[in-house]
């Protein structure tokens, strides 16, 4: 059985318990449990979380762990906790940090010379305080060797599902995602920012249009089609859409197609032609040009880089 330790310290954010739930669900999906889940802290006993309730923990020890996960918190970890994390690779196969816990790994020196991510709101601070780290804020999670980091909040669940997939296979990871009522695990290279969130329409009418577009990417999604969804004339729709989102309908639809295509490239084995068709680009050349404009790389390179991270993990 794989021993998994969750490092808890005062101010720990309870969203980290959602990460531990992924491993609990993995146990329930098997005839025999795969993970021995422990909550551990510097002195053991009750640890007060950021929401005011306390969690019972075991005291730090040098026993071996298959995985240690440091969760983000609203307070800094103590020097002794950082020291424990610094020594963890000597008795742990893998170590991970979710959200702002990347700062704990950084202070412990475990991210020196590595690629890492964290919550987008603090990524610039991580880069400035620890210039030896290659911070990539526009990532859901990153595995660099035996050290994993994730973006903020729910991205820790994506990291947990990826770890479960590495241990127990894709099908079990998908079963856990279904149990947790998740659409699917986001790929590590996927952006922290959803195109729908970036557009931020001001009315339900335009939100309805964007939701329709995302669900119908294989359609042409012409201005006339979208205007009909909004119950406006094409001219009225184009003006209203630009005013609310700051983008033309064509540019917004391209962003939605790119987001969907990149997720498919990184998280599936579909041929490029199939990805282009299923995301509405019609052909691979058109999709390639869009990728170059948005990411500066063609789809093949994005997929190869994502696969390289999986191998490195």
Protein backbone atom coordinates (compact mmCIF):
# COMPACT_ATOMS: atom_id res chain seq x y z
CA UNK A 1 0.00 0.00 0.00
CA UNK A 2 1.29 3.48 -0.89
CA UNK A 3 1.63 5.79 2.09
CA UNK A 4 0.45 9.34 1.34
CA UNK A 5 1.11 12.10 3.86
CA UNK A 6 -0.68 15.45 3.82
CA UNK A 7 1.40 18.08 5.58
CA UNK A 8 -0.89 20.32 7.66
CA UNK A 9 0.14 23.54 9.40
CA UNK A 10 -1.77 26.43 11.05
CA UNK A 11 -3.83 28.34 8.49
CA UNK A 12 -4.13 25.31 6.20
CA UNK A 13 -6.80 25.85 3.55
CA UNK A 14 -9.55 23.20 3.82
CA UNK A 15 -9.81 22.93 0.04
CA UNK A 16 -6.80 20.65 0.41
CA UNK A 17 -9.12 18.01 1.81
CA UNK A 18 -10.72 17.77 -1.63
CA UNK A 19 -7.29 16.66 -2.86
CA UNK A 20 -7.15 13.92 -0.22
CA UNK A 21 -10.67 12.84 -1.21
CA UNK A 22 -9.37 11.84 -4.66
CA UNK A 23 -7.11 9.23 -3.01
CA UNK A 24 -9.98 8.10 -0.78
CA UNK A 25 -12.17 7.57 -3.86
CA UNK A 26 -9.34 5.62 -5.51
CA UNK A 27 -9.36 3.26 -2.52
CA UNK A 28 -13.11 2.75 -2.84
CA UNK A 29 -12.77 1.87 -6.52
CA UNK A 30 -10.49 -1.11 -5.77
CA UNK A 31 -10.97 -4.45 -4.06
CA UNK A 32 -8.06 -3.56 -1.79
CA UNK A 33 -7.08 0.01 -0.78
CA UNK A 34 -4.14 1.44 -2.70
CA UNK A 35 -3.38 4.38 -0.41
CA UNK A 36 -2.73 4.77 3.31
CA UNK A 37 -3.70 8.42 3.88
CA UNK A 38 -2.16 10.32 6.81
CA UNK A 39 -2.53 13.91 8.04
CA UNK A 40 0.78 14.95 9.58
CA UNK A 41 2.17 18.07 11.24
CA UNK A 42 5.20 19.33 13.13
CA UNK A 43 3.98 18.44 16.64
CA UNK A 44 0.93 16.33 15.86
CA UNK A 45 -2.41 16.88 17.54
CA UNK A 46 -5.03 19.42 16.53
CA UNK A 47 -4.12 21.97 13.85
CA UNK A 48 -6.38 24.98 13.30
CA UNK A 49 -7.33 25.57 9.65
CA UNK A 50 -7.93 28.91 7.92
CA UNK A 51 -11.69 28.47 8.50
CA UNK A 52 -11.32 28.07 12.25
CA UNK A 53 -11.97 24.36 12.76
CA UNK A 54 -9.18 21.98 13.75
CA UNK A 55 -7.87 18.74 12.26
CA UNK A 56 -6.25 15.89 14.16
CA UNK A 57 -2.77 15.07 12.84
CA UNK A 58 0.12 12.72 13.48
CA UNK A 59 3.57 14.04 14.41
CA UNK A 60 6.28 14.30 11.74
CA UNK A 61 8.51 11.25 11.53
CA UNK A 62 11.19 10.01 9.17
CA UNK A 63 9.19 6.98 8.07
CA UNK A 64 9.07 6.38 4.34
CA UNK A 65 6.28 7.85 2.21
CA UNK A 66 5.41 7.15 -1.38
CA UNK A 67 4.03 10.69 -1.64
CA UNK A 68 4.04 13.81 0.53
CA UNK A 69 1.62 16.61 -0.37
CA UNK A 70 2.01 20.08 1.09
CA UNK A 71 -1.25 22.01 0.96
CA UNK A 72 -1.59 25.76 0.62
CA UNK A 73 -2.49 27.93 3.59
CA UNK A 74 -3.19 31.48 4.67
CA UNK A 75 -0.13 31.53 6.96
CA UNK A 76 3.53 30.73 6.38
CA UNK A 77 4.78 27.30 7.31
CA UNK A 78 7.11 27.22 10.32
CA UNK A 79 10.88 26.90 9.83
CA UNK A 80 10.70 23.38 11.27
CA UNK A 81 8.03 22.41 8.74
CA UNK A 82 10.19 23.81 5.94
CA UNK A 83 13.14 21.84 7.29
CA UNK A 84 11.07 18.64 7.29
CA UNK A 85 10.08 19.28 3.68
CA UNK A 86 13.72 19.96 2.77
CA UNK A 87 14.73 16.52 4.04
CA UNK A 88 11.69 14.75 2.59
CA UNK A 89 13.33 13.51 -0.65
CA UNK A 90 15.60 11.29 1.46
CA UNK A 91 12.62 9.21 2.58
CA UNK A 92 9.86 10.01 0.06
CA UNK A 93 9.50 8.86 -3.54
CA UNK A 94 7.54 11.95 -4.61
CA UNK A 95 6.64 15.31 -3.12
CA UNK A 96 3.93 17.68 -4.27
CA UNK A 97 2.61 21.13 -3.44
CA UNK A 98 -0.81 22.53 -4.22
CA UNK A 99 -1.60 26.21 -4.64
CA UNK A 100 0.56 28.50 -2.44
CA UNK A 101 2.43 25.55 -0.90
CA UNK A 102 4.85 26.00 -3.81
CA UNK A 103 6.39 28.69 -1.59
CA UNK A 104 7.11 26.03 1.06
CA UNK A 105 8.90 23.83 -1.49
CA UNK A 106 10.72 26.90 -2.81
CA UNK A 107 11.91 27.92 0.66
CA UNK A 108 13.07 24.34 1.21
CA UNK A 109 15.13 24.55 -2.00
CA UNK A 110 13.29 21.69 -3.70
CA UNK A 111 12.27 23.81 -6.69
CA UNK A 112 15.73 25.17 -7.52
CA UNK A 113 16.38 24.67 -11.22
CA UNK A 114 12.94 23.13 -11.73
CA UNK A 115 9.79 24.12 -13.54
CA UNK A 116 6.91 24.93 -11.19
CA UNK A 117 3.54 26.61 -10.99
CA UNK A 118 1.30 28.11 -8.30
CA UNK A 119 -1.82 30.22 -7.99
CA UNK A 120 -1.73 32.81 -10.78
CA UNK A 121 -2.20 35.67 -8.29
CA UNK A 122 1.12 34.89 -6.56
CA UNK A 123 3.16 33.54 -9.49
CA UNK A 124 5.03 36.80 -10.06
CA UNK A 125 5.97 36.93 -6.38
CA UNK A 126 7.28 33.35 -6.54
CA UNK A 127 9.38 34.27 -9.58
CA UNK A 128 10.83 37.38 -7.92
CA UNK A 129 11.59 35.78 -4.55
CA UNK A 130 13.10 32.61 -6.04
CA UNK A 131 14.65 33.52 -9.40
CA UNK A 132 16.26 30.09 -9.73
CA UNK A 133 12.80 28.56 -10.27
CA UNK A 134 11.32 28.45 -13.78
CA UNK A 135 7.83 29.63 -12.88
CA UNK A 136 5.10 28.86 -15.41
CA UNK A 137 1.95 30.49 -14.08
CA UNK A 138 -0.22 29.48 -17.03
CA UNK A 139 -0.28 25.79 -16.10
CA UNK A 140 -2.72 23.62 -14.15
CA UNK A 141 0.06 21.44 -12.74
CA UNK A 142 3.68 20.58 -13.52
CA UNK A 143 5.68 17.42 -12.80
CA UNK A 144 9.43 17.97 -12.88
CA UNK A 145 11.12 14.77 -11.89
CA UNK A 146 9.70 13.60 -8.56
CA UNK A 147 8.46 17.08 -7.60
CA UNK A 148 4.94 18.17 -8.54
CA UNK A 149 3.26 21.56 -8.19
CA UNK A 150 -0.23 22.72 -9.05
CA UNK A 151 -2.06 25.96 -9.62
CA UNK A 152 -4.51 27.28 -7.06
CA UNK A 153 -7.70 25.96 -5.54
CA UNK A 154 -9.32 23.11 -7.53
CA UNK A 155 -6.18 22.52 -9.63
CA UNK A 156 -4.93 20.37 -6.74
CA UNK A 157 -7.61 17.82 -7.66
CA UNK A 158 -6.25 17.67 -11.22
CA UNK A 159 -2.80 17.03 -9.77
CA UNK A 160 -4.17 14.26 -7.55
CA UNK A 161 -5.92 12.60 -10.49
CA UNK A 162 -2.68 12.71 -12.50
CA UNK A 163 -0.80 11.07 -9.63
CA UNK A 164 -3.50 8.39 -9.36
CA UNK A 165 -3.27 7.83 -13.10
CA UNK A 166 0.50 7.36 -12.80
CA UNK A 167 0.01 4.83 -9.99
CA UNK A 168 -3.12 2.95 -10.99
CA UNK A 169 -3.84 3.76 -14.63
CA UNK A 170 -6.04 6.01 -16.71
CA UNK A 171 -9.29 4.08 -16.26
CA UNK A 172 -9.18 4.22 -12.47
CA UNK A 173 -8.29 7.91 -12.56
CA UNK A 174 -11.32 8.53 -14.77
CA UNK A 175 -13.50 6.51 -12.41
CA UNK A 176 -12.38 8.72 -9.53
CA UNK A 177 -13.15 11.84 -11.56
CA UNK A 178 -16.66 10.50 -12.21
CA UNK A 179 -17.15 9.76 -8.50
CA UNK A 180 -16.12 13.34 -7.72
CA UNK A 181 -18.54 14.64 -10.38
CA UNK A 182 -15.77 16.14 -12.48
CA UNK A 183 -16.10 16.49 -16.24
CA UNK A 184 -12.55 15.23 -16.76
CA UNK A 185 -9.04 15.78 -15.48
CA UNK A 186 -7.55 18.89 -17.02
CA UNK A 187 -4.21 18.36 -18.70
CA UNK A 188 -1.19 19.76 -16.87
CA UNK A 189 -0.40 22.17 -19.68
CA UNK A 190 -3.92 23.55 -19.85
CA UNK A 191 -4.28 27.22 -19.05
CA UNK A 192 -5.36 28.26 -15.55
CA UNK A 193 -7.70 30.71 -17.25
CA UNK A 194 -10.85 29.64 -19.05
CA UNK A 195 -11.75 31.62 -22.16
CA UNK A 196 -15.29 31.91 -20.83
CA UNK A 197 -13.99 33.53 -17.64
CA UNK A 198 -11.70 35.90 -19.54
CA UNK A 199 -14.54 37.13 -21.75
CA UNK A 200 -16.80 37.94 -18.75
CA UNK A 201 -20.01 38.89 -20.58
CA UNK A 202 -22.17 41.33 -18.66
CA UNK A 203 -25.58 39.89 -19.55
CA UNK A 204 -27.18 36.46 -19.45
CA UNK A 205 -27.90 36.85 -23.16
CA UNK A 206 -24.22 36.89 -24.11
CA UNK A 207 -23.38 34.22 -21.55
CA UNK A 208 -25.99 32.02 -23.23
CA UNK A 209 -24.31 32.66 -26.60
CA UNK A 210 -20.87 31.65 -25.29
CA UNK A 211 -22.24 28.54 -23.61
CA UNK A 212 -23.96 27.59 -26.86
CA UNK A 213 -20.74 28.16 -28.80
CA UNK A 214 -18.66 26.00 -26.48
CA UNK A 215 -21.18 23.16 -26.78
CA UNK A 216 -21.36 23.43 -30.56
CA UNK A 217 -17.77 23.93 -31.68
CA UNK A 218 -18.24 21.63 -34.67
CA UNK A 219 -20.83 24.05 -36.05
CA UNK A 220 -19.80 26.99 -38.21
CA UNK A 221 -20.81 29.43 -35.46
CA UNK A 222 -21.32 32.31 -37.85
CA UNK A 223 -22.42 35.72 -36.63
CA UNK A 224 -25.87 34.95 -38.02
CA UNK A 225 -26.11 31.70 -36.03
CA UNK A 226 -24.95 33.34 -32.81
CA UNK A 227 -27.21 36.34 -33.33
CA UNK A 228 -30.17 34.00 -33.61
CA UNK A 229 -29.26 32.48 -30.22
CA UNK A 230 -29.18 36.00 -28.77
CA UNK A 231 -32.44 36.97 -30.51
CA UNK A 232 -30.75 39.98 -32.12
CA UNK A 233 -29.97 41.03 -35.65
CA UNK A 234 -26.41 40.21 -36.77
CA UNK A 235 -25.43 43.89 -36.62
CA UNK A 236 -26.94 44.41 -33.15
CA UNK A 237 -25.34 41.21 -31.92
CA UNK A 238 -21.84 42.07 -33.17
CA UNK A 239 -21.97 45.50 -31.52
CA UNK A 240 -23.36 44.17 -28.24
CA UNK A 241 -20.89 41.29 -28.10
CA UNK A 242 -17.90 43.58 -28.70
CA UNK A 243 -19.13 46.05 -26.08
CA UNK A 244 -19.59 43.35 -23.43
CA UNK A 245 -16.52 41.18 -24.00
CA UNK A 246 -14.02 43.48 -25.69
CA UNK A 247 -13.62 40.96 -28.52
CA UNK A 248 -15.22 40.33 -31.85
CA UNK A 249 -17.39 37.20 -32.09
CA UNK A 250 -14.87 35.63 -34.49
CA UNK A 251 -11.93 36.17 -32.13
CA UNK A 252 -13.86 34.85 -29.12
CA UNK A 253 -14.90 31.70 -30.99
CA UNK A 254 -11.30 31.11 -32.04
CA UNK A 255 -10.22 31.32 -28.41
CA UNK A 256 -12.84 28.75 -27.40
CA UNK A 257 -11.74 26.45 -30.22
CA UNK A 258 -8.09 26.83 -29.22
CA UNK A 259 -8.81 26.03 -25.59
CA UNK A 260 -10.73 22.88 -26.55
CA UNK A 261 -8.14 21.81 -29.15
CA UNK A 262 -5.21 22.27 -26.78
CA UNK A 263 -6.94 20.20 -24.09
CA UNK A 264 -7.57 17.41 -26.63
CA UNK A 265 -3.98 17.57 -27.90
CA UNK A 266 -2.56 17.23 -24.40
CA UNK A 267 -5.06 14.80 -22.91
CA UNK A 268 -5.89 12.39 -25.74
CA UNK A 269 -4.33 10.39 -28.56
CA UNK A 270 -6.66 11.68 -31.26
CA UNK A 271 -4.93 12.43 -34.58
CA UNK A 272 -4.49 16.12 -35.33
CA UNK A 273 -7.03 15.96 -38.16
CA UNK A 274 -9.65 14.60 -35.75
CA UNK A 275 -8.89 17.31 -33.17
CA UNK A 276 -9.25 19.98 -35.85
CA UNK A 277 -12.61 18.59 -36.95
CA UNK A 278 -14.02 18.11 -33.46
CA UNK A 279 -13.13 21.65 -32.39
CA UNK A 280 -14.43 23.33 -35.51
CA UNK A 281 -11.19 24.30 -37.23
CA UNK A 282 -12.24 22.22 -40.26
CA UNK A 283 -8.67 21.30 -41.23
CA UNK A 284 -5.27 20.91 -39.58
CA UNK A 285 -3.66 23.82 -41.46
CA UNK A 286 -6.18 26.30 -40.13
CA UNK A 287 -5.72 24.94 -36.61
CA UNK A 288 -1.94 25.09 -36.97
CA UNK A 289 -2.05 28.76 -37.93
CA UNK A 290 -4.28 29.53 -34.95
CA UNK A 291 -1.91 27.69 -32.57
CA UNK A 292 1.06 29.64 -33.91
CA UNK A 293 -0.75 32.94 -33.41
CA UNK A 294 -1.86 32.11 -29.87
CA UNK A 295 0.97 29.96 -28.48
CA UNK A 296 3.88 30.50 -30.85
CA UNK A 297 4.06 26.71 -31.35
CA UNK A 298 2.31 24.24 -33.65
CA UNK A 299 -0.04 21.59 -32.18
CA UNK A 300 2.54 18.80 -32.57
CA UNK A 301 5.03 20.61 -30.32
CA UNK A 302 2.37 21.30 -27.67
CA UNK A 303 1.47 17.59 -27.62
CA UNK A 304 5.13 16.49 -27.56
CA UNK A 305 5.89 18.82 -24.65
CA UNK A 306 2.89 17.51 -22.70
CA UNK A 307 3.95 13.92 -23.31
CA UNK A 308 7.49 14.80 -22.28
CA UNK A 309 6.22 16.01 -18.92
CA UNK A 310 4.32 12.77 -18.42
CA UNK A 311 7.45 10.73 -19.10
CA UNK A 312 9.52 12.93 -16.80
CA UNK A 313 7.04 12.39 -14.01
